[in-house]
N, C-alpha and C. Protein backbone atom coordinates (compact mmCIF):
# COMPACT_ATOMS: atom_id res chain seq x y z
N MET A 1 220.20 119.05 114.22
CA MET A 1 220.26 119.93 112.12
C MET A 1 219.26 120.75 111.66
N LEU A 2 219.21 122.10 110.88
CA LEU A 2 218.87 122.94 110.36
C LEU A 2 217.87 122.37 109.52
N GLU A 3 217.15 121.90 109.12
CA GLU A 3 216.57 121.26 107.91
C GLU A 3 216.22 122.00 106.78
N ILE A 4 216.18 122.60 105.64
CA ILE A 4 215.53 123.04 104.83
C ILE A 4 214.58 122.68 103.43
N LYS A 5 213.89 122.35 103.50
CA LYS A 5 213.07 121.12 102.49
C LYS A 5 213.05 121.94 101.12
N ASN A 6 213.91 121.48 99.69
CA ASN A 6 213.11 121.75 98.66
C ASN A 6 213.39 123.39 99.20
N ILE A 7 214.54 123.45 98.61
CA ILE A 7 214.03 125.00 99.05
C ILE A 7 214.00 125.24 97.31
N HIS A 8 214.47 124.72 96.77
CA HIS A 8 213.85 124.98 94.80
C HIS A 8 213.31 124.19 94.91
N LYS A 9 211.88 123.88 95.44
CA LYS A 9 210.81 122.66 95.09
C LYS A 9 210.16 122.79 93.76
N SER A 10 210.50 124.36 93.53
CA SER A 10 209.53 124.03 92.14
C SER A 10 210.63 124.21 91.13
N PHE A 11 211.38 123.86 91.20
CA PHE A 11 212.18 123.86 89.83
C PHE A 11 212.73 122.41 89.21
N GLY A 12 212.28 121.71 90.20
CA GLY A 12 212.33 119.57 89.73
C GLY A 12 210.78 120.24 88.91
N ASP A 13 209.44 120.58 88.62
CA ASP A 13 208.60 120.53 87.97
C ASP A 13 209.18 121.13 86.37
N MET A 14 210.32 121.99 86.17
CA MET A 14 210.25 123.37 85.27
C MET A 14 210.84 122.27 84.23
N ASP A 15 210.17 122.39 83.06
CA ASP A 15 210.88 122.05 82.03
C ASP A 15 212.24 121.59 81.67
N VAL A 16 212.96 122.94 81.54
CA VAL A 16 214.34 123.22 81.65
C VAL A 16 214.69 122.83 82.43
N LEU A 17 214.36 122.30 84.05
CA LEU A 17 215.31 121.96 85.06
C LEU A 17 214.88 120.21 85.05
N LYS A 18 214.20 119.64 83.85
CA LYS A 18 213.54 117.96 85.06
C LYS A 18 214.98 117.49 85.31
N GLY A 19 214.53 116.82 86.12
CA GLY A 19 214.94 115.65 86.77
C GLY A 19 215.71 116.13 87.89
N ILE A 20 216.02 117.57 87.89
CA ILE A 20 216.28 118.12 88.73
C ILE A 20 215.43 118.22 90.49
N ASN A 21 215.54 117.44 91.27
CA ASN A 21 214.47 118.01 92.30
C ASN A 21 215.47 117.62 93.69
N LEU A 22 215.53 118.74 94.19
CA LEU A 22 216.29 119.77 95.18
C LEU A 22 215.94 119.18 96.18
N HIS A 23 217.03 118.82 97.38
CA HIS A 23 215.98 118.84 99.17
C HIS A 23 217.76 118.04 100.13
N VAL A 24 217.95 120.10 100.19
CA VAL A 24 218.81 120.39 100.99
C VAL A 24 218.39 119.57 102.77
N ASP A 25 219.82 119.49 103.30
CA ASP A 25 219.67 119.42 104.49
C ASP A 25 220.81 119.96 105.38
N LEU A 26 221.11 121.26 106.31
CA LEU A 26 221.70 122.51 106.04
C LEU A 26 222.29 121.82 107.71
N ILE A 27 223.59 121.70 108.03
CA ILE A 27 224.51 121.76 109.28
C ILE A 27 224.61 123.22 109.96
N ASN A 28 224.79 123.91 110.98
CA ASN A 28 225.41 124.66 111.24
C ASN A 28 226.49 123.87 112.47
N ILE A 29 227.60 124.60 112.25
CA ILE A 29 228.46 123.63 113.46
C ILE A 29 229.03 125.30 113.47
N GLU A 30 228.99 125.91 113.70
CA GLU A 30 229.58 127.13 113.97
C GLU A 30 228.25 128.09 115.40
N VAL A 31 229.45 128.32 116.63
CA VAL A 31 227.69 128.56 117.32
C VAL A 31 227.78 130.09 116.66
N SER A 32 228.52 131.31 116.24
CA SER A 32 227.43 132.52 115.56
C SER A 32 226.77 132.47 114.32
N ALA A 33 226.87 131.38 113.92
CA ALA A 33 227.10 130.90 112.68
C ALA A 33 225.92 131.40 111.84
N GLN A 34 224.74 131.47 111.85
CA GLN A 34 223.00 131.90 112.03
C GLN A 34 222.78 132.92 112.15
N PHE A 35 223.48 133.91 113.25
CA PHE A 35 222.88 134.97 113.40
C PHE A 35 224.08 135.55 112.44
N PHE A 36 225.31 135.80 112.30
CA PHE A 36 225.69 136.22 111.65
C PHE A 36 225.35 135.92 110.18
N ILE A 37 225.26 134.68 109.34
CA ILE A 37 224.51 134.93 108.32
C ILE A 37 223.67 135.65 107.95
N HIS A 38 222.44 135.59 109.00
CA HIS A 38 221.50 136.62 108.77
C HIS A 38 221.64 137.32 108.14
N LEU A 39 222.58 137.93 109.20
CA LEU A 39 223.30 139.56 109.15
C LEU A 39 223.63 139.81 107.35
N LYS A 40 224.26 138.76 106.89
CA LYS A 40 225.01 139.10 105.33
C LYS A 40 224.12 138.81 105.21
N MET A 41 222.95 138.02 104.89
CA MET A 41 221.22 137.74 104.05
C MET A 41 220.56 139.14 103.83
N ALA A 42 220.39 139.83 105.60
CA ALA A 42 220.02 141.37 105.13
C ALA A 42 221.10 142.45 104.11
N PHE A 43 221.96 141.98 104.34
CA PHE A 43 222.59 143.00 104.14
C PHE A 43 222.75 142.88 102.42
N VAL A 44 223.04 140.86 101.69
CA VAL A 44 222.80 140.99 99.93
C VAL A 44 221.42 141.38 99.56
N CYS A 45 220.53 141.07 100.57
CA CYS A 45 219.39 141.16 99.76
C CYS A 45 218.82 143.06 100.12
N GLY A 46 219.62 144.10 100.84
CA GLY A 46 219.32 145.06 100.34
C GLY A 46 220.31 146.09 100.04
N LEU A 47 220.86 145.50 99.48
CA LEU A 47 222.12 145.74 98.40
C LEU A 47 221.81 145.56 97.28
N ILE A 48 220.27 144.05 97.02
CA ILE A 48 220.21 143.83 95.71
C ILE A 48 219.06 145.01 95.12
N VAL A 49 217.78 144.70 96.29
CA VAL A 49 216.68 145.99 96.01
C VAL A 49 217.26 146.90 95.92
N ALA A 50 218.66 147.65 96.64
CA ALA A 50 219.41 148.90 96.50
C ALA A 50 219.78 149.17 95.39
N PHE A 51 220.40 148.03 94.33
CA PHE A 51 221.14 148.57 93.26
C PHE A 51 220.92 149.82 92.35
N PRO A 52 219.60 149.92 92.29
CA PRO A 52 218.90 150.59 91.07
C PRO A 52 219.48 152.47 91.34
N TYR A 53 219.53 152.59 92.95
CA TYR A 53 219.95 153.77 93.96
C TYR A 53 221.55 153.63 93.54
N ILE A 54 222.16 152.36 93.95
CA ILE A 54 223.07 153.08 93.55
C ILE A 54 223.63 153.41 92.16
N ILE A 55 223.44 152.40 91.77
CA ILE A 55 223.54 153.03 90.02
C ILE A 55 223.21 154.49 89.89
N TYR A 56 221.94 154.67 90.70
CA TYR A 56 221.84 156.94 90.21
C TYR A 56 222.95 157.25 91.41
N GLU A 57 223.50 157.41 92.68
CA GLU A 57 224.51 157.97 93.07
C GLU A 57 225.47 158.08 92.46
N ILE A 58 225.43 156.51 91.44
CA ILE A 58 227.04 157.10 90.95
C ILE A 58 226.74 157.70 89.51
N TRP A 59 225.30 157.36 88.90
CA TRP A 59 225.58 159.24 87.58
C TRP A 59 224.88 160.31 88.24
N ARG A 60 224.71 161.05 89.36
CA ARG A 60 224.92 161.83 89.49
C ARG A 60 226.25 162.64 90.10
N PHE A 61 227.58 161.25 90.89
CA PHE A 61 228.63 162.06 90.67
C PHE A 61 229.53 161.67 89.45
N ILE A 62 229.14 161.67 88.90
CA ILE A 62 230.36 161.80 87.45
C ILE A 62 229.03 162.36 86.40
N ALA A 63 228.05 162.64 86.29
CA ALA A 63 227.42 163.47 85.05
C ALA A 63 227.10 164.34 85.48
N PRO A 64 227.87 165.65 86.34
CA PRO A 64 228.70 167.00 85.70
C PRO A 64 230.14 166.84 85.28
N ALA A 65 230.80 166.32 84.84
CA ALA A 65 231.49 165.58 83.84
C ALA A 65 231.66 165.09 82.68
N LEU A 66 230.46 165.02 81.93
CA LEU A 66 229.50 164.71 80.72
C LEU A 66 229.25 165.97 80.40
N TYR A 67 229.13 165.68 78.58
CA TYR A 67 229.10 167.14 77.86
C TYR A 67 227.04 166.45 77.88
N ASP A 68 226.51 166.98 77.09
CA ASP A 68 225.07 166.98 77.32
C ASP A 68 224.94 165.80 76.80
N ASN A 69 225.67 165.54 75.27
CA ASN A 69 225.60 164.44 73.99
C ASN A 69 225.69 163.23 74.97
N GLU A 70 227.04 163.25 76.26
CA GLU A 70 227.82 162.09 77.23
C GLU A 70 226.07 162.03 77.71
N LYS A 71 225.53 163.11 78.31
CA LYS A 71 224.99 162.58 79.55
C LYS A 71 223.93 161.23 78.84
N THR A 72 223.45 161.91 77.81
CA THR A 72 222.42 160.89 76.76
C THR A 72 222.05 159.87 76.84
N VAL A 73 223.92 159.49 76.23
CA VAL A 73 224.21 157.60 76.49
C VAL A 73 224.23 157.13 78.04
N VAL A 74 225.01 157.04 78.70
CA VAL A 74 225.58 157.34 79.64
C VAL A 74 223.99 157.55 80.83
N ARG A 75 223.27 157.61 80.25
CA ARG A 75 222.21 157.44 81.31
C ARG A 75 221.44 156.84 80.85
N LYS A 76 221.50 156.12 79.68
CA LYS A 76 220.78 155.11 79.06
C LYS A 76 221.31 153.61 79.46
N ALA A 77 222.30 153.74 79.81
CA ALA A 77 222.91 152.69 79.87
C ALA A 77 223.07 152.35 81.81
N PHE A 78 222.87 153.90 82.35
CA PHE A 78 223.14 153.02 83.85
C PHE A 78 221.39 152.25 83.96
N MET A 79 220.65 152.86 83.83
CA MET A 79 219.51 152.60 83.52
C MET A 79 218.99 151.02 82.63
N LEU A 80 219.44 150.77 81.37
CA LEU A 80 219.89 149.24 81.10
C LEU A 80 220.97 148.11 82.52
N ALA A 81 221.78 149.03 83.17
CA ALA A 81 222.50 148.23 84.18
C ALA A 81 221.67 147.63 84.83
N SER A 82 220.11 148.34 85.67
CA SER A 82 219.77 147.64 86.67
C SER A 82 219.09 146.67 86.37
N VAL A 83 218.44 146.70 84.88
CA VAL A 83 217.38 145.64 84.20
C VAL A 83 218.56 144.68 84.58
N LEU A 84 220.14 144.42 84.00
CA LEU A 84 220.59 143.40 83.25
C LEU A 84 221.28 142.75 84.88
N PHE A 85 221.41 143.39 85.27
CA PHE A 85 221.59 143.11 86.77
C PHE A 85 220.43 142.40 87.73
N TYR A 86 219.59 142.87 87.31
CA TYR A 86 218.43 142.15 88.59
C TYR A 86 217.81 140.81 87.35
N LEU A 87 218.25 140.95 85.85
CA LEU A 87 218.32 139.94 84.84
C LEU A 87 218.99 138.76 85.37
N GLY A 88 220.50 138.81 85.73
CA GLY A 88 221.42 137.87 85.71
C GLY A 88 221.48 137.48 87.79
N ALA A 89 221.15 138.11 88.07
CA ALA A 89 220.31 137.69 89.64
C ALA A 89 219.92 136.35 89.49
N ALA A 90 218.66 136.31 88.70
CA ALA A 90 217.08 135.68 88.46
C ALA A 90 218.21 134.66 87.74
N VAL A 91 218.82 134.60 86.98
CA VAL A 91 219.39 133.80 85.68
C VAL A 91 220.57 132.60 86.72
N GLY A 92 220.92 134.17 88.31
CA GLY A 92 222.14 132.76 88.67
C GLY A 92 220.85 131.37 89.46
N TYR A 93 220.07 132.51 90.82
CA TYR A 93 219.08 132.23 91.67
C TYR A 93 218.55 130.97 91.35
N VAL A 94 217.51 131.26 89.94
CA VAL A 94 217.16 130.53 89.23
C VAL A 94 217.11 129.02 88.57
N ILE A 95 218.57 129.49 87.96
CA ILE A 95 219.09 128.33 86.43
C ILE A 95 219.99 128.21 86.87
N VAL A 96 221.30 129.18 87.01
CA VAL A 96 222.05 127.76 87.29
C VAL A 96 222.82 128.21 89.31
N LEU A 97 222.44 128.46 90.01
CA LEU A 97 222.65 127.95 91.68
C LEU A 97 221.72 126.37 91.45
N PRO A 98 219.97 126.06 90.65
CA PRO A 98 219.66 124.69 91.19
C PRO A 98 220.91 123.83 90.58
N VAL A 99 220.91 123.78 89.58
CA VAL A 99 221.99 123.36 88.13
C VAL A 99 223.18 122.57 89.58
N CYS A 100 224.27 123.34 89.75
CA CYS A 100 225.30 123.56 90.95
C CYS A 100 224.69 122.53 92.21
N LEU A 101 223.47 122.80 92.33
CA LEU A 101 223.58 122.83 93.61
C LEU A 101 223.26 121.07 93.30
N ASN A 102 223.55 120.45 92.76
CA ASN A 102 222.21 118.89 92.04
C ASN A 102 223.87 118.03 91.65
N PHE A 103 224.03 118.79 90.82
CA PHE A 103 225.96 118.03 90.66
C PHE A 103 226.97 117.93 91.52
N PHE A 104 226.47 119.12 92.62
CA PHE A 104 227.63 118.86 94.11
C PHE A 104 226.20 118.02 94.48
N MET A 105 225.13 117.52 95.64
CA MET A 105 224.86 117.73 96.22
C MET A 105 224.73 115.35 95.72
N ASN A 106 224.37 115.37 94.81
CA ASN A 106 224.75 113.78 94.11
C ASN A 106 226.30 113.53 93.29
N PHE A 107 227.31 114.25 93.47
CA PHE A 107 228.40 114.06 93.76
C PHE A 107 229.04 113.24 94.73
N SER A 108 229.80 112.61 94.59
CA SER A 108 230.24 111.39 95.77
C SER A 108 231.79 110.48 95.27
N ILE A 109 233.00 111.14 96.26
CA ILE A 109 233.68 109.68 95.47
C ILE A 109 234.46 108.89 96.36
N SER A 110 232.90 108.29 96.75
CA SER A 110 232.24 106.86 97.66
C SER A 110 231.65 106.81 98.09
N ASP A 111 230.41 105.79 98.06
CA ASP A 111 229.21 105.69 99.07
C ASP A 111 228.97 105.07 100.54
N THR A 112 230.95 105.94 101.46
CA THR A 112 230.35 105.35 102.59
C THR A 112 230.57 107.22 102.78
N VAL A 113 230.61 108.05 101.29
CA VAL A 113 230.97 109.45 102.39
C VAL A 113 229.64 110.22 101.65
N ILE A 114 229.14 110.90 103.02
CA ILE A 114 228.36 111.16 102.73
C ILE A 114 228.15 112.70 102.46
N ASN A 115 227.20 113.08 102.55
CA ASN A 115 227.21 115.55 102.00
C ASN A 115 226.07 115.76 102.87
N THR A 116 226.87 116.27 104.01
CA THR A 116 226.51 117.41 104.76
C THR A 116 226.74 118.37 104.47
N ILE A 117 225.86 119.06 104.06
CA ILE A 117 226.62 120.69 103.67
C ILE A 117 226.32 122.00 104.65
N SER A 118 227.33 122.55 105.31
CA SER A 118 227.26 123.61 105.78
C SER A 118 226.00 124.08 105.84
N LEU A 119 225.53 125.30 107.01
CA LEU A 119 224.79 126.81 105.96
C LEU A 119 225.89 127.55 105.83
N ASN A 120 226.86 128.01 106.32
CA ASN A 120 227.71 128.60 105.87
C ASN A 120 227.79 128.73 104.32
N SER A 121 228.50 127.29 104.00
CA SER A 121 228.58 126.90 102.48
C SER A 121 227.97 127.12 101.94
N TYR A 122 226.90 126.61 101.94
CA TYR A 122 225.23 127.03 100.82
C TYR A 122 225.21 128.63 100.38
N ILE A 123 225.31 129.02 101.81
CA ILE A 123 225.07 131.04 101.84
C ILE A 123 225.76 131.25 101.03
N SER A 124 227.60 131.16 101.32
CA SER A 124 228.48 131.37 100.00
C SER A 124 228.24 130.83 98.53
N LEU A 125 228.27 129.92 98.72
CA LEU A 125 226.93 129.65 97.12
C LEU A 125 226.66 130.41 96.12
N PHE A 126 225.47 130.41 97.58
CA PHE A 126 223.69 131.27 96.95
C PHE A 126 224.74 133.11 96.51
N ILE A 127 225.22 133.39 97.69
CA ILE A 127 225.67 134.54 97.13
C ILE A 127 226.56 134.85 96.48
N SER A 128 227.63 133.96 95.88
CA SER A 128 228.54 134.14 94.51
C SER A 128 227.58 133.94 93.44
N MET A 129 226.10 133.07 93.28
CA MET A 129 225.71 132.60 92.17
C MET A 129 224.88 134.03 91.90
N VAL A 130 224.75 134.88 92.83
CA VAL A 130 223.71 135.65 92.57
C VAL A 130 224.42 137.17 92.21
N LEU A 131 224.97 136.89 92.93
CA LEU A 131 226.04 138.76 92.86
C LEU A 131 226.24 138.61 91.73
N MET A 132 228.13 137.02 91.87
CA MET A 132 228.48 137.66 90.25
C MET A 132 227.61 137.47 89.40
N ILE A 133 227.25 136.48 89.46
CA ILE A 133 226.80 136.64 87.75
C ILE A 133 225.68 137.74 87.46
N GLY A 134 224.66 138.65 88.38
CA GLY A 134 224.53 139.72 88.29
C GLY A 134 224.67 140.70 87.49
N LEU A 135 226.14 140.86 88.63
CA LEU A 135 227.74 141.90 88.20
C LEU A 135 228.00 141.48 86.78
N ILE A 136 228.13 140.40 86.15
CA ILE A 136 229.24 139.59 84.90
C ILE A 136 227.91 140.18 83.98
N PHE A 137 225.84 140.04 84.24
CA PHE A 137 225.09 141.00 83.55
C PHE A 137 225.44 142.52 83.42
N GLU A 138 226.17 143.30 83.76
CA GLU A 138 226.57 144.25 83.44
C GLU A 138 227.16 144.66 81.68
N PHE A 139 227.64 143.57 81.41
CA PHE A 139 228.91 143.97 80.41
C PHE A 139 227.66 144.78 78.53
N PRO A 140 227.88 144.45 78.98
CA PRO A 140 226.75 145.21 77.82
C PRO A 140 226.14 146.36 78.06
N SER A 141 226.04 147.41 79.35
CA SER A 141 225.47 148.24 79.27
C SER A 141 227.43 148.97 79.64
N VAL A 142 228.37 148.29 79.98
CA VAL A 142 229.66 148.67 79.59
C VAL A 142 229.88 149.09 77.91
N ILE A 143 229.76 147.95 77.16
CA ILE A 143 230.08 148.90 76.00
C ILE A 143 229.17 149.19 74.88
N ALA A 144 228.21 149.62 75.64
CA ALA A 144 227.29 150.94 75.15
C ALA A 144 228.15 152.18 74.95
N VAL A 145 229.13 152.19 76.16
CA VAL A 145 229.36 153.73 76.64
C VAL A 145 230.43 153.80 75.98
N LEU A 146 231.04 152.58 76.01
CA LEU A 146 232.26 153.08 75.06
C LEU A 146 232.67 152.35 74.06
N SER A 147 231.30 151.67 73.48
CA SER A 147 231.61 152.03 71.68
C SER A 147 230.50 153.44 71.50
N ARG A 148 230.23 154.73 72.52
CA ARG A 148 229.19 155.97 72.04
C ARG A 148 230.62 156.25 72.51
N PHE A 149 231.84 155.56 73.36
CA PHE A 149 233.11 156.86 73.34
C PHE A 149 233.77 156.82 72.32
N GLY A 150 233.53 155.64 71.21
CA GLY A 150 234.88 155.39 70.26
C GLY A 150 235.61 154.14 70.66
N LEU A 151 235.67 153.52 71.59
CA LEU A 151 237.15 152.54 72.17
C LEU A 151 236.22 151.59 72.32
N VAL A 152 234.95 150.87 71.77
CA VAL A 152 234.62 149.63 70.99
C VAL A 152 233.63 150.05 70.09
N THR A 153 234.02 149.32 68.40
CA THR A 153 233.62 148.83 67.27
C THR A 153 232.93 147.93 67.73
N ARG A 154 231.62 147.78 66.31
CA ARG A 154 230.87 146.33 66.42
C ARG A 154 231.71 145.43 65.67
N GLU A 155 231.85 146.22 64.85
CA GLU A 155 233.48 144.99 63.75
C GLU A 155 234.46 144.26 64.68
N LEU A 156 234.88 145.59 65.96
CA LEU A 156 235.91 144.26 66.36
C LEU A 156 235.37 143.56 66.88
N LEU A 157 233.84 143.56 68.08
CA LEU A 157 233.24 142.14 68.70
C LEU A 157 232.57 141.68 67.72
N ARG A 158 233.13 141.88 66.56
CA ARG A 158 232.33 140.81 65.48
C ARG A 158 233.32 139.74 65.44
N LYS A 159 234.82 140.56 65.18
CA LYS A 159 235.72 139.74 65.02
C LYS A 159 236.67 138.94 65.87
N GLY A 160 236.03 139.21 67.59
CA GLY A 160 236.03 139.06 68.91
C GLY A 160 235.64 137.74 68.17
N ARG A 161 234.46 137.55 68.17
CA ARG A 161 234.02 136.20 68.64
C ARG A 161 234.18 135.02 68.87
N LYS A 162 235.07 134.56 68.45
CA LYS A 162 235.88 133.02 68.61
C LYS A 162 236.63 133.72 69.65
N VAL A 163 237.45 134.67 70.50
CA VAL A 163 238.21 134.65 71.23
C VAL A 163 237.03 134.65 72.64
N ALA A 164 235.64 135.51 72.67
CA ALA A 164 234.81 136.06 73.41
C ALA A 164 234.72 134.81 74.06
N PHE A 165 234.35 133.86 72.70
CA PHE A 165 233.60 131.94 73.41
C PHE A 165 234.52 131.19 74.44
N VAL A 166 235.41 132.04 73.99
CA VAL A 166 236.64 131.06 74.54
C VAL A 166 236.63 131.84 76.59
N VAL A 167 236.83 132.75 76.71
CA VAL A 167 237.17 133.73 77.87
C VAL A 167 235.51 134.16 78.20
N ILE A 168 234.20 133.70 77.77
CA ILE A 168 232.43 133.19 78.30
C ILE A 168 232.55 131.47 79.02
N LEU A 169 233.84 130.80 78.57
CA LEU A 169 233.23 129.37 79.15
C LEU A 169 234.71 129.45 80.20
N VAL A 170 236.31 130.34 79.88
CA VAL A 170 236.74 130.41 80.97
C VAL A 170 235.18 131.20 82.20
N ILE A 171 235.16 132.13 81.88
CA ILE A 171 234.40 132.62 83.19
C ILE A 171 232.99 131.94 83.83
N ALA A 172 232.23 131.67 82.82
CA ALA A 172 231.39 130.13 83.29
C ALA A 172 232.28 129.39 84.24
N ALA A 173 233.06 128.74 83.65
CA ALA A 173 233.49 127.50 84.04
C ALA A 173 234.22 127.38 86.35
N PHE A 174 234.82 128.85 85.73
CA PHE A 174 235.33 130.02 87.31
C PHE A 174 233.75 130.26 88.01
N ILE A 175 232.86 131.01 88.02
CA ILE A 175 231.85 130.72 88.18
C ILE A 175 231.09 129.16 88.75
N THR A 176 230.91 128.75 87.78
CA THR A 176 230.77 127.29 88.38
C THR A 176 230.86 126.54 88.11
N PRO A 177 231.93 125.57 89.57
CA PRO A 177 233.86 125.11 89.04
C PRO A 177 233.04 123.33 89.65
N SER A 178 231.93 123.54 89.08
CA SER A 178 231.15 121.77 88.37
C SER A 178 231.94 120.95 87.82
N ASP A 179 230.31 120.53 86.57
CA ASP A 179 230.59 119.68 86.13
C ASP A 179 229.85 120.63 84.93
N PRO A 180 230.61 119.83 83.25
CA PRO A 180 230.63 120.91 82.31
C PRO A 180 228.88 121.13 81.45
N PHE A 181 228.43 121.20 82.28
CA PHE A 181 226.89 121.08 82.23
C PHE A 181 226.20 122.09 82.55
N SER A 182 226.85 122.51 83.73
CA SER A 182 226.73 123.89 84.56
C SER A 182 227.41 124.88 83.72
N MET A 183 228.82 124.82 84.05
CA MET A 183 229.50 125.99 82.95
C MET A 183 228.79 125.80 81.10
N PHE A 184 228.42 125.28 80.39
CA PHE A 184 227.39 125.20 79.22
C PHE A 184 225.98 126.12 79.88
N VAL A 185 225.67 125.45 81.21
CA VAL A 185 224.51 126.32 81.27
C VAL A 185 224.18 127.72 81.86
N LEU A 186 225.67 128.28 81.93
CA LEU A 186 225.77 129.71 81.66
C LEU A 186 226.15 130.84 80.97
N ALA A 187 226.89 129.23 79.85
CA ALA A 187 227.13 130.18 79.04
C ALA A 187 226.63 131.06 77.89
N ILE A 188 225.85 130.10 77.90
CA ILE A 188 224.70 130.19 76.70
C ILE A 188 224.72 131.97 76.98
N PRO A 189 223.47 132.13 78.34
CA PRO A 189 223.14 133.29 78.42
C PRO A 189 224.46 134.49 78.54
N LEU A 190 225.86 134.18 78.16
CA LEU A 190 226.20 135.04 78.47
C LEU A 190 227.40 135.22 77.45
N TYR A 191 227.03 134.78 76.30
CA TYR A 191 227.27 134.42 74.72
C TYR A 191 225.88 135.70 74.24
N ILE A 192 224.73 134.94 75.31
CA ILE A 192 223.90 136.12 74.40
C ILE A 192 223.87 137.43 74.62
N LEU A 193 224.55 137.40 76.20
CA LEU A 193 224.03 138.75 75.99
C LEU A 193 225.42 139.60 75.25
N TYR A 194 226.59 138.38 74.58
CA TYR A 194 227.50 138.98 73.76
C TYR A 194 226.99 139.81 72.40
N GLU A 195 226.93 139.03 71.64
CA GLU A 195 226.24 139.46 71.13
C GLU A 195 224.86 140.40 71.05
N PHE A 196 224.25 140.59 71.88
CA PHE A 196 223.40 141.68 72.62
C PHE A 196 224.43 143.02 72.61
N SER A 197 225.50 142.85 73.03
CA SER A 197 226.50 143.89 72.67
C SER A 197 226.40 145.01 71.74
N ILE A 198 227.03 143.65 70.47
CA ILE A 198 226.94 144.04 69.00
C ILE A 198 226.01 145.29 69.17
N TYR A 199 224.93 144.62 68.79
CA TYR A 199 223.70 144.95 68.49
C TYR A 199 223.04 146.33 69.14
N LEU A 200 224.28 146.23 70.21
CA LEU A 200 224.30 147.95 71.30
C LEU A 200 225.23 148.97 70.48
N CYS A 201 225.80 148.17 69.74
CA CYS A 201 226.98 149.66 68.98
C CYS A 201 226.94 149.97 68.81
N LYS A 202 227.05 151.22 68.40
CA LYS A 202 227.04 152.01 67.25
C LYS A 202 227.17 151.66 65.52
N LYS A 203 226.05 151.99 64.65
CA LYS A 203 226.07 151.54 63.62
C LYS A 203 227.20 152.33 62.63
N ASP A 204 227.50 153.20 63.04
CA ASP A 204 228.35 153.81 62.19
C ASP A 204 229.93 153.87 62.80
N ASN A 205 230.08 152.84 63.43
CA ASN A 205 230.94 152.20 63.73
C ASN A 205 231.53 151.64 62.72
């Protein structure tokens, strides 16, 4: 058995996650799984580290097609995108992932069924949490660009708060297919991002 003790050991001492003390025992049930998972994690880590450079290359590709006044807005939005991606990845790793793991590890349909987590399933959950939440956190930077081009207005976003809240709950439930608490843990920062997007919209819209 491959054992990883207290992967999120420090999380049990955090007030925001008080009561969560994770202990994950992982097993490998495939001959080549550890090798390919090692490669997968190396790729994911490289993608996370290189994200600002990827954003920069995308910016270089679209910049020639923009006017000077548009370049300033889009450039700032791309810089914001890098910050938001890392913020989202941190939220996914530090807050959402431990909450979901705590739910799945302690949920059982019967006392006779023991939760034994495979290495592959754990890594899949880890990657989906970190990358998906990181990408979703890009929403304000997209809104900032659309607002500057006149496609989205501050008033439109204000009127759509109720609909946005429902959509956010659906997205949070899709990313964290567990208990309602996990869903709300993710929904709260997503709604804060929505309000931040309203702030980024042009005032004269």
